[in-house]
Amino acid sequence: MWDVLSALIPPVVVATVFCTFIYKLLRSEMAPRTADGRPVKDASSEGNGTPVPETDQLAAAEGDTAEGGPKSTESSATDLPSGDTGSAGR
């Protein structure tokens, strides 16, 4: 019986190491990420140590236009000529 157990020890060790590697790999790949792809724990360590909600990060990113400047405070709706009420007047 001991010779059977001694023959099974090397495959069990290899299988355990392999499963541990796969477990760690999957945990690191499936970790929650921010909008720019960094893990959440890395993003929260920046600055003052408090995590920034993802909605705030997205709002800050959407606040810039393609030219790199901030959006104007006017609405982004299409400008209508004066006197035209849009779809409400139909």
C-alpha atoms as a PDB file:
ATOM      1  CA  MET A   1       0.000   0.000   0.000  1.00  0.00           C
ATOM      2  CA  TRP A   2       2.849   2.423   0.762  1.00  0.00           C
ATOM      3  CA  ASP A   3       4.329   1.960  -2.688  1.00  0.00           C
ATOM      4  CA  VAL A   4       0.991   3.005  -4.241  1.00  0.00           C
ATOM      5  CA  LEU A   5       0.863   6.125  -2.068  1.00  0.00           C
ATOM      6  CA  SER A   6       4.472   6.996  -2.836  1.00  0.00           C
ATOM      7  CA  ALA A   7       3.705   6.678  -6.555  1.00  0.00           C
ATOM      8  CA  LEU A   8       0.725   9.060  -6.225  1.00  0.00           C
ATOM      9  CA  ILE A   9       2.513  11.827  -4.288  1.00  0.00           C
ATOM     10  CA  PRO A  10       4.323  13.466  -7.260  1.00  0.00           C
ATOM     11  CA  PRO A  11       1.173  13.780  -9.438  1.00  0.00           C
ATOM     12  CA  VAL A  12      -0.808  15.132  -6.478  1.00  0.00           C
ATOM     13  CA  VAL A  13       1.854  17.769  -5.811  1.00  0.00           C
ATOM     14  CA  VAL A  14       1.959  18.796  -9.483  1.00  0.00           C
ATOM     15  CA  ALA A  15      -1.837  18.947  -9.676  1.00  0.00           C
ATOM     16  CA  THR A  16      -2.002  21.065  -6.507  1.00  0.00           C
ATOM     17  CA  VAL A  17       0.568  23.546  -7.826  1.00  0.00           C
ATOM     18  CA  PHE A  18      -1.211  23.706 -11.189  1.00  0.00           C
ATOM     19  CA  CYS A  19      -4.633  24.323  -9.601  1.00  0.00           C
ATOM     20  CA  THR A  20      -3.163  26.983  -7.292  1.00  0.00           C
ATOM     21  CA  PHE A  21      -1.606  28.758 -10.289  1.00  0.00           C
ATOM     22  CA  ILE A  22      -4.895  28.676 -12.226  1.00  0.00           C
ATOM     23  CA  TYR A  23      -6.801  29.945  -9.167  1.00  0.00           C
ATOM     24  CA  LYS A  24      -4.440  32.913  -8.707  1.00  0.00           C
ATOM     25  CA  LEU A  25      -4.473  33.705 -12.423  1.00  0.00           C
ATOM     26  CA  LEU A  26      -8.263  33.687 -12.612  1.00  0.00           C
ATOM     27  CA  ARG A  27      -8.599  35.832  -9.485  1.00  0.00           C
ATOM     28  CA  SER A  28      -6.229  38.462 -10.859  1.00  0.00           C
ATOM     29  CA  GLU A  29      -7.880  38.507 -14.299  1.00  0.00           C
ATOM     30  CA  MET A  30     -11.428  38.638 -12.945  1.00  0.00           C
ATOM     31  CA  ALA A  31     -10.724  41.349 -10.363  1.00  0.00           C
ATOM     32  CA  PRO A  32     -12.966  44.430 -10.591  1.00  0.00           C
ATOM     33  CA  ARG A  33     -11.453  47.111 -12.794  1.00  0.00           C
ATOM     34  CA  THR A  34     -11.930  50.830 -13.308  1.00  0.00           C
ATOM     35  CA  ALA A  35     -13.034  52.342 -16.595  1.00  0.00           C
ATOM     36  CA  ASP A  36      -9.430  52.705 -17.767  1.00  0.00           C
ATOM     37  CA  GLY A  37      -8.571  49.060 -17.038  1.00  0.00           C
ATOM     38  CA  ARG A  38      -6.643  49.388 -13.782  1.00  0.00           C
ATOM     39  CA  PRO A  39      -7.618  47.152 -10.861  1.00  0.00           C
ATOM     40  CA  VAL A  40      -9.824  48.944  -8.338  1.00  0.00           C
ATOM     41  CA  LYS A  41      -7.344  48.436  -5.497  1.00  0.00           C
ATOM     42  CA  ASP A  42      -4.572  50.155  -7.525  1.00  0.00           C
ATOM     43  CA  ALA A  43      -6.816  53.075  -8.418  1.00  0.00           C
ATOM     44  CA  SER A  44      -7.901  53.621  -4.816  1.00  0.00           C
ATOM     45  CA  SER A  45      -4.292  53.780  -3.586  1.00  0.00           C
ATOM     46  CA  GLU A  46      -3.687  56.975  -5.572  1.00  0.00           C
ATOM     47  CA  GLY A  47      -4.311  60.387  -4.098  1.00  0.00           C
ATOM     48  CA  ASN A  48      -5.649  60.558  -0.572  1.00  0.00           C
ATOM     49  CA  GLY A  49      -6.434  56.870  -0.246  1.00  0.00           C
ATOM     50  CA  THR A  50     -10.186  57.084  -0.669  1.00  0.00           C
ATOM     51  CA  PRO A  51     -11.639  55.294  -3.667  1.00  0.00           C
ATOM     52  CA  VAL A  52     -13.178  57.459  -6.347  1.00  0.00           C
ATOM     53  CA  PRO A  53     -16.568  56.174  -7.509  1.00  0.00           C
ATOM     54  CA  GLU A  54     -16.559  55.058 -11.111  1.00  0.00           C
ATOM     55  CA  THR A  55     -19.402  57.432 -11.946  1.00  0.00           C
ATOM     56  CA  ASP A  56     -17.241  60.387 -10.906  1.00  0.00           C
ATOM     57  CA  GLN A  57     -14.402  59.140 -13.088  1.00  0.00           C
ATOM     58  CA  LEU A  58     -16.730  58.755 -16.053  1.00  0.00           C
ATOM     59  CA  ALA A  59     -18.249  62.192 -15.498  1.00  0.00           C
ATOM     60  CA  ALA A  60     -14.798  63.739 -15.412  1.00  0.00           C
ATOM     61  CA  ALA A  61     -13.808  61.912 -18.606  1.00  0.00           C
ATOM     62  CA  GLU A  62     -17.013  62.924 -20.408  1.00  0.00           C
ATOM     63  CA  GLY A  63     -16.566  66.553 -19.402  1.00  0.00           C
ATOM     64  CA  ASP A  64     -13.893  67.054 -22.064  1.00  0.00           C
ATOM     65  CA  THR A  65     -14.649  67.534 -25.727  1.00  0.00           C
ATOM     66  CA  ALA A  66     -12.660  66.169 -28.642  1.00  0.00           C
ATOM     67  CA  GLU A  67     -10.635  69.393 -28.730  1.00  0.00           C
ATOM     68  CA  GLY A  68      -9.518  68.764 -25.178  1.00  0.00           C
ATOM     69  CA  GLY A  69     -11.377  71.659 -23.626  1.00  0.00           C
ATOM     70  CA  PRO A  70     -14.335  71.507 -21.254  1.00  0.00           C
ATOM     71  CA  LYS A  71     -17.861  71.415 -22.575  1.00  0.00           C
ATOM     72  CA  SER A  72     -19.755  74.664 -22.582  1.00  0.00           C
ATOM     73  CA  THR A  73     -22.477  75.193 -20.011  1.00  0.00           C
ATOM     74  CA  GLU A  74     -25.080  75.485 -22.742  1.00  0.00           C
ATOM     75  CA  SER A  75     -27.127  72.415 -23.571  1.00  0.00           C
ATOM     76  CA  SER A  76     -25.841  70.135 -26.282  1.00  0.00           C
ATOM     77  CA  ALA A  77     -29.254  70.113 -28.005  1.00  0.00           C
ATOM     78  CA  THR A  78     -29.487  71.313 -31.570  1.00  0.00           C
ATOM     79  CA  ASP A  79     -30.084  75.049 -31.733  1.00  0.00           C
ATOM     80  CA  LEU A  80     -33.537  75.898 -33.038  1.00  0.00           C
ATOM     81  CA  PRO A  81     -34.341  79.150 -34.802  1.00  0.00           C
ATOM     82  CA  SER A  82     -36.311  81.572 -32.652  1.00  0.00           C
ATOM     83  CA  GLY A  83     -40.052  81.027 -32.821  1.00  0.00           C
ATOM     84  CA  ASP A  84     -39.697  77.356 -33.723  1.00  0.00           C
ATOM     85  CA  THR A  85     -41.012  75.213 -30.867  1.00  0.00           C
ATOM     86  CA  GLY A  86     -39.551  71.992 -32.192  1.00  0.00           C
ATOM     87  CA  SER A  87     -41.660  68.847 -32.021  1.00  0.00           C
ATOM     88  CA  ALA A  88     -44.084  70.405 -29.488  1.00  0.00           C
ATOM     89  CA  GLY A  89     -45.667  72.569 -32.186  1.00  0.00           C
ATOM     90  CA  ARG A  90     -46.562  69.713 -34.520  1.00  0.00           C
END
